[in-house]
Amino acid sequence: MAKKISAAAKAELSEWARGFALLSDPTRLGVLKLLAAGPRNVTALCTALGLKQPTISHHLGLLRMGRLVIGTRQGKSVVYTTNKKNLKELTSAIAKLTPSK
């Protein structure tokens, strides 16, 4: 008989699903890729991705809510970095879903 999934495991799966949904957008992936290379502000992200400020700010807001990026105020600007701990947990989830040979 199949074993039931615990409430804790269901919660973990829901968390994974939210993280994967955040990664399903090319703009958000582009933001994460740029931030993986180093901290950047919105202006730098706009220039690199060729997108307008409201679009980048929208995607950064979603990534912040998903705890995949961290914003730190520096004067009048906010500098963004990846949340390495949470991204590592998400990539670990992918590894758990990949069968080993």
N, C-alpha and C. Protein backbone atom coordinates (compact mmCIF):
# COMPACT_ATOMS: atom_id res chain seq x y z
N MET A 1 0.84 -1.18 0.00
CA MET A 1 0.00 0.00 0.00
C MET A 1 0.89 1.24 0.00
N ALA A 2 0.48 2.24 -0.74
CA ALA A 2 1.25 3.48 -0.85
C ALA A 2 1.20 4.26 0.46
N LYS A 3 2.32 4.86 0.78
CA LYS A 3 2.43 5.66 2.00
C LYS A 3 1.87 7.06 1.74
N LYS A 4 1.08 7.59 2.68
CA LYS A 4 0.51 8.93 2.54
C LYS A 4 1.58 9.98 2.78
N ILE A 5 1.42 11.10 2.12
CA ILE A 5 2.33 12.22 2.30
C ILE A 5 1.91 12.98 3.55
N SER A 6 2.88 13.28 4.41
CA SER A 6 2.60 13.99 5.66
C SER A 6 2.26 15.46 5.38
N ALA A 7 1.67 16.10 6.37
CA ALA A 7 1.34 17.52 6.25
C ALA A 7 2.60 18.35 6.04
N ALA A 8 3.68 17.98 6.72
CA ALA A 8 4.96 18.70 6.57
C ALA A 8 5.49 18.54 5.14
N ALA A 9 5.37 17.34 4.60
CA ALA A 9 5.84 17.10 3.23
C ALA A 9 4.98 17.88 2.23
N LYS A 10 3.66 17.95 2.49
CA LYS A 10 2.78 18.73 1.61
C LYS A 10 3.15 20.21 1.65
N ALA A 11 3.47 20.70 2.83
CA ALA A 11 3.87 22.11 2.96
C ALA A 11 5.16 22.36 2.19
N GLU A 12 6.10 21.41 2.28
CA GLU A 12 7.36 21.54 1.55
C GLU A 12 7.11 21.55 0.04
N LEU A 13 6.23 20.69 -0.42
CA LEU A 13 5.91 20.64 -1.84
C LEU A 13 5.26 21.94 -2.31
N SER A 14 4.40 22.52 -1.48
CA SER A 14 3.78 23.80 -1.82
C SER A 14 4.83 24.90 -1.94
N GLU A 15 5.80 24.87 -1.03
CA GLU A 15 6.89 25.84 -1.07
C GLU A 15 7.72 25.67 -2.35
N TRP A 16 8.00 24.44 -2.71
CA TRP A 16 8.73 24.16 -3.96
C TRP A 16 7.94 24.69 -5.15
N ALA A 17 6.64 24.44 -5.17
CA ALA A 17 5.80 24.88 -6.29
C ALA A 17 5.84 26.39 -6.45
N ARG A 18 5.79 27.11 -5.34
CA ARG A 18 5.87 28.58 -5.40
C ARG A 18 7.23 29.01 -5.96
N GLY A 19 8.28 28.36 -5.51
CA GLY A 19 9.61 28.69 -6.02
C GLY A 19 9.75 28.40 -7.50
N PHE A 20 9.25 27.24 -7.93
CA PHE A 20 9.32 26.89 -9.35
C PHE A 20 8.49 27.84 -10.19
N ALA A 21 7.35 28.29 -9.67
CA ALA A 21 6.52 29.24 -10.41
C ALA A 21 7.28 30.55 -10.62
N LEU A 22 8.02 30.97 -9.61
CA LEU A 22 8.82 32.19 -9.76
C LEU A 22 9.89 32.02 -10.83
N LEU A 23 10.42 30.83 -10.97
CA LEU A 23 11.47 30.56 -11.95
C LEU A 23 10.92 30.33 -13.36
N SER A 24 9.61 30.32 -13.50
CA SER A 24 9.02 29.99 -14.80
C SER A 24 8.94 31.18 -15.76
N ASP A 25 9.41 32.33 -15.33
CA ASP A 25 9.34 33.53 -16.17
C ASP A 25 10.73 33.93 -16.66
N PRO A 26 10.90 34.15 -17.96
CA PRO A 26 12.22 34.49 -18.51
C PRO A 26 12.81 35.78 -17.92
N THR A 27 11.97 36.77 -17.65
CA THR A 27 12.49 38.02 -17.08
C THR A 27 13.05 37.78 -15.68
N ARG A 28 12.31 37.03 -14.86
CA ARG A 28 12.79 36.74 -13.51
C ARG A 28 14.06 35.90 -13.55
N LEU A 29 14.14 34.96 -14.47
CA LEU A 29 15.38 34.19 -14.62
C LEU A 29 16.54 35.09 -15.03
N GLY A 30 16.26 36.04 -15.92
CA GLY A 30 17.29 36.99 -16.34
C GLY A 30 17.78 37.83 -15.17
N VAL A 31 16.85 38.29 -14.34
CA VAL A 31 17.22 39.06 -13.15
C VAL A 31 18.10 38.22 -12.24
N LEU A 32 17.68 36.98 -11.98
CA LEU A 32 18.46 36.11 -11.10
C LEU A 32 19.85 35.83 -11.68
N LYS A 33 19.93 35.63 -12.99
CA LYS A 33 21.22 35.37 -13.62
C LYS A 33 22.16 36.57 -13.45
N LEU A 34 21.62 37.77 -13.66
CA LEU A 34 22.45 38.97 -13.49
C LEU A 34 22.88 39.15 -12.04
N LEU A 35 21.95 38.91 -11.11
CA LEU A 35 22.28 39.07 -9.70
C LEU A 35 23.25 38.00 -9.22
N ALA A 36 23.23 36.85 -9.86
CA ALA A 36 24.19 35.79 -9.50
C ALA A 36 25.62 36.25 -9.80
N ALA A 37 25.77 37.15 -10.76
CA ALA A 37 27.09 37.68 -11.11
C ALA A 37 27.52 38.80 -10.17
N GLY A 38 26.58 39.33 -9.39
CA GLY A 38 26.92 40.39 -8.44
C GLY A 38 25.75 41.32 -8.20
N PRO A 39 25.81 42.08 -7.11
CA PRO A 39 24.73 42.99 -6.74
C PRO A 39 24.49 44.05 -7.82
N ARG A 40 23.23 44.43 -7.98
CA ARG A 40 22.86 45.46 -8.96
C ARG A 40 21.65 46.23 -8.45
N ASN A 41 21.52 47.46 -8.93
CA ASN A 41 20.31 48.23 -8.63
C ASN A 41 19.34 48.11 -9.81
N VAL A 42 18.17 48.70 -9.66
CA VAL A 42 17.14 48.58 -10.69
C VAL A 42 17.62 49.15 -12.02
N THR A 43 18.30 50.29 -11.98
CA THR A 43 18.77 50.92 -13.22
C THR A 43 19.71 50.00 -13.98
N ALA A 44 20.62 49.35 -13.28
CA ALA A 44 21.56 48.43 -13.93
C ALA A 44 20.82 47.24 -14.52
N LEU A 45 19.81 46.73 -13.80
CA LEU A 45 19.02 45.60 -14.31
C LEU A 45 18.23 46.02 -15.55
N CYS A 46 17.64 47.22 -15.51
CA CYS A 46 16.88 47.73 -16.67
C CYS A 46 17.77 47.82 -17.91
N THR A 47 18.95 48.37 -17.72
CA THR A 47 19.89 48.53 -18.84
C THR A 47 20.30 47.17 -19.39
N ALA A 48 20.66 46.26 -18.52
CA ALA A 48 21.15 44.95 -18.95
C ALA A 48 20.05 44.14 -19.65
N LEU A 49 18.81 44.25 -19.18
CA LEU A 49 17.73 43.45 -19.76
C LEU A 49 16.93 44.19 -20.83
N GLY A 50 17.20 45.48 -20.98
CA GLY A 50 16.49 46.27 -21.99
C GLY A 50 15.01 46.42 -21.68
N LEU A 51 14.68 46.52 -20.40
CA LEU A 51 13.29 46.65 -19.98
C LEU A 51 13.12 47.92 -19.16
N LYS A 52 11.86 48.37 -19.05
CA LYS A 52 11.57 49.60 -18.30
C LYS A 52 11.52 49.33 -16.80
N GLN A 53 11.72 50.39 -16.04
CA GLN A 53 11.79 50.31 -14.59
C GLN A 53 10.55 49.66 -13.96
N PRO A 54 9.31 50.02 -14.37
CA PRO A 54 8.15 49.37 -13.72
C PRO A 54 8.14 47.85 -13.91
N THR A 55 8.60 47.39 -15.06
CA THR A 55 8.62 45.95 -15.33
C THR A 55 9.62 45.25 -14.42
N ILE A 56 10.82 45.81 -14.32
CA ILE A 56 11.85 45.22 -13.47
C ILE A 56 11.42 45.28 -12.01
N SER A 57 10.87 46.41 -11.58
CA SER A 57 10.42 46.54 -10.20
C SER A 57 9.34 45.52 -9.86
N HIS A 58 8.43 45.27 -10.80
CA HIS A 58 7.38 44.26 -10.60
C HIS A 58 8.00 42.87 -10.36
N HIS A 59 8.93 42.50 -11.22
CA HIS A 59 9.55 41.19 -11.09
C HIS A 59 10.41 41.08 -9.84
N LEU A 60 11.11 42.16 -9.49
CA LEU A 60 11.88 42.16 -8.25
C LEU A 60 10.96 42.01 -7.04
N GLY A 61 9.80 42.65 -7.09
CA GLY A 61 8.84 42.51 -6.00
C GLY A 61 8.40 41.07 -5.81
N LEU A 62 8.14 40.39 -6.92
CA LEU A 62 7.75 38.98 -6.83
C LEU A 62 8.90 38.13 -6.29
N LEU A 63 10.10 38.39 -6.76
CA LEU A 63 11.27 37.64 -6.29
C LEU A 63 11.55 37.91 -4.81
N ARG A 64 11.31 39.16 -4.37
CA ARG A 64 11.48 39.48 -2.95
C ARG A 64 10.42 38.76 -2.11
N MET A 65 9.17 38.79 -2.56
CA MET A 65 8.11 38.09 -1.83
C MET A 65 8.38 36.59 -1.76
N GLY A 66 8.99 36.05 -2.80
CA GLY A 66 9.36 34.64 -2.82
C GLY A 66 10.68 34.37 -2.10
N ARG A 67 11.25 35.40 -1.53
CA ARG A 67 12.50 35.31 -0.76
C ARG A 67 13.67 34.75 -1.59
N LEU A 68 13.68 35.08 -2.90
CA LEU A 68 14.79 34.65 -3.74
C LEU A 68 15.80 35.76 -3.97
N VAL A 69 15.40 37.01 -3.70
CA VAL A 69 16.33 38.13 -3.75
C VAL A 69 16.18 38.97 -2.49
N ILE A 70 17.24 39.71 -2.18
CA ILE A 70 17.27 40.59 -1.02
C ILE A 70 17.62 41.99 -1.50
N GLY A 71 16.85 42.98 -1.07
CA GLY A 71 17.14 44.37 -1.39
C GLY A 71 17.72 45.08 -0.18
N THR A 72 18.80 45.82 -0.41
CA THR A 72 19.44 46.57 0.67
C THR A 72 19.55 48.03 0.24
N ARG A 73 19.00 48.92 1.07
CA ARG A 73 19.05 50.34 0.74
C ARG A 73 20.47 50.87 0.89
N GLN A 74 20.92 51.59 -0.16
CA GLN A 74 22.22 52.25 -0.15
C GLN A 74 21.99 53.67 -0.64
N GLY A 75 21.82 54.57 0.30
CA GLY A 75 21.49 55.95 -0.06
C GLY A 75 20.08 56.01 -0.62
N LYS A 76 19.92 56.60 -1.80
CA LYS A 76 18.61 56.71 -2.44
C LYS A 76 18.27 55.49 -3.29
N SER A 77 19.18 54.56 -3.38
CA SER A 77 19.02 53.40 -4.25
C SER A 77 18.90 52.12 -3.42
N VAL A 78 18.31 51.10 -4.04
CA VAL A 78 18.26 49.77 -3.43
C VAL A 78 19.10 48.84 -4.29
N VAL A 79 20.00 48.14 -3.66
CA VAL A 79 20.86 47.18 -4.37
C VAL A 79 20.35 45.79 -4.05
N TYR A 80 20.21 45.00 -5.10
CA TYR A 80 19.65 43.65 -4.96
C TYR A 80 20.73 42.59 -5.10
N THR A 81 20.57 41.52 -4.33
CA THR A 81 21.43 40.35 -4.41
C THR A 81 20.54 39.11 -4.36
N THR A 82 21.09 37.99 -4.75
CA THR A 82 20.32 36.74 -4.63
C THR A 82 20.34 36.29 -3.18
N ASN A 83 19.29 35.60 -2.79
CA ASN A 83 19.24 34.97 -1.47
C ASN A 83 19.80 33.57 -1.67
N LYS A 84 21.08 33.44 -1.47
CA LYS A 84 21.79 32.19 -1.78
C LYS A 84 21.20 30.99 -1.03
N LYS A 85 20.81 31.18 0.22
CA LYS A 85 20.27 30.09 1.02
C LYS A 85 18.98 29.54 0.40
N ASN A 86 18.06 30.43 0.04
CA ASN A 86 16.80 29.97 -0.51
C ASN A 86 16.95 29.41 -1.92
N LEU A 87 17.84 29.99 -2.72
CA LEU A 87 18.09 29.44 -4.05
C LEU A 87 18.73 28.06 -3.95
N LYS A 88 19.60 27.89 -2.97
CA LYS A 88 20.22 26.58 -2.77
C LYS A 88 19.18 25.54 -2.39
N GLU A 89 18.22 25.92 -1.54
CA GLU A 89 17.15 25.00 -1.15
C GLU A 89 16.32 24.61 -2.37
N LEU A 90 16.07 25.57 -3.26
CA LEU A 90 15.28 25.29 -4.45
C LEU A 90 16.04 24.37 -5.41
N THR A 91 17.32 24.60 -5.58
CA THR A 91 18.09 23.71 -6.46
C THR A 91 18.25 22.33 -5.82
N SER A 92 18.27 22.29 -4.50
CA SER A 92 18.29 21.00 -3.80
C SER A 92 16.99 20.24 -4.06
N ALA A 93 15.89 20.96 -4.13
CA ALA A 93 14.60 20.34 -4.43
C ALA A 93 14.63 19.69 -5.81
N ILE A 94 15.25 20.38 -6.76
CA ILE A 94 15.37 19.82 -8.11
C ILE A 94 16.17 18.53 -8.06
N ALA A 95 17.25 18.54 -7.29
CA ALA A 95 18.08 17.35 -7.17
C ALA A 95 17.29 16.17 -6.58
N LYS A 96 16.40 16.48 -5.63
CA LYS A 96 15.58 15.43 -5.02
C LYS A 96 14.58 14.82 -6.00
N LEU A 97 14.22 15.61 -7.02
CA LEU A 97 13.26 15.14 -8.03
C LEU A 97 13.94 14.41 -9.18
N THR A 98 15.26 14.48 -9.21
CA THR A 98 16.02 13.85 -10.30
C THR A 98 16.47 12.46 -9.87
N PRO A 99 16.04 11.44 -10.60
CA PRO A 99 16.44 10.10 -10.22
C PRO A 99 17.93 9.87 -10.43
N SER A 100 18.54 9.17 -9.49
CA SER A 100 19.96 8.85 -9.66
C SER A 100 20.09 7.57 -10.46
N LYS A 101 21.20 7.45 -11.16
CA LYS A 101 21.40 6.26 -12.01
C LYS A 101 21.97 5.13 -11.21
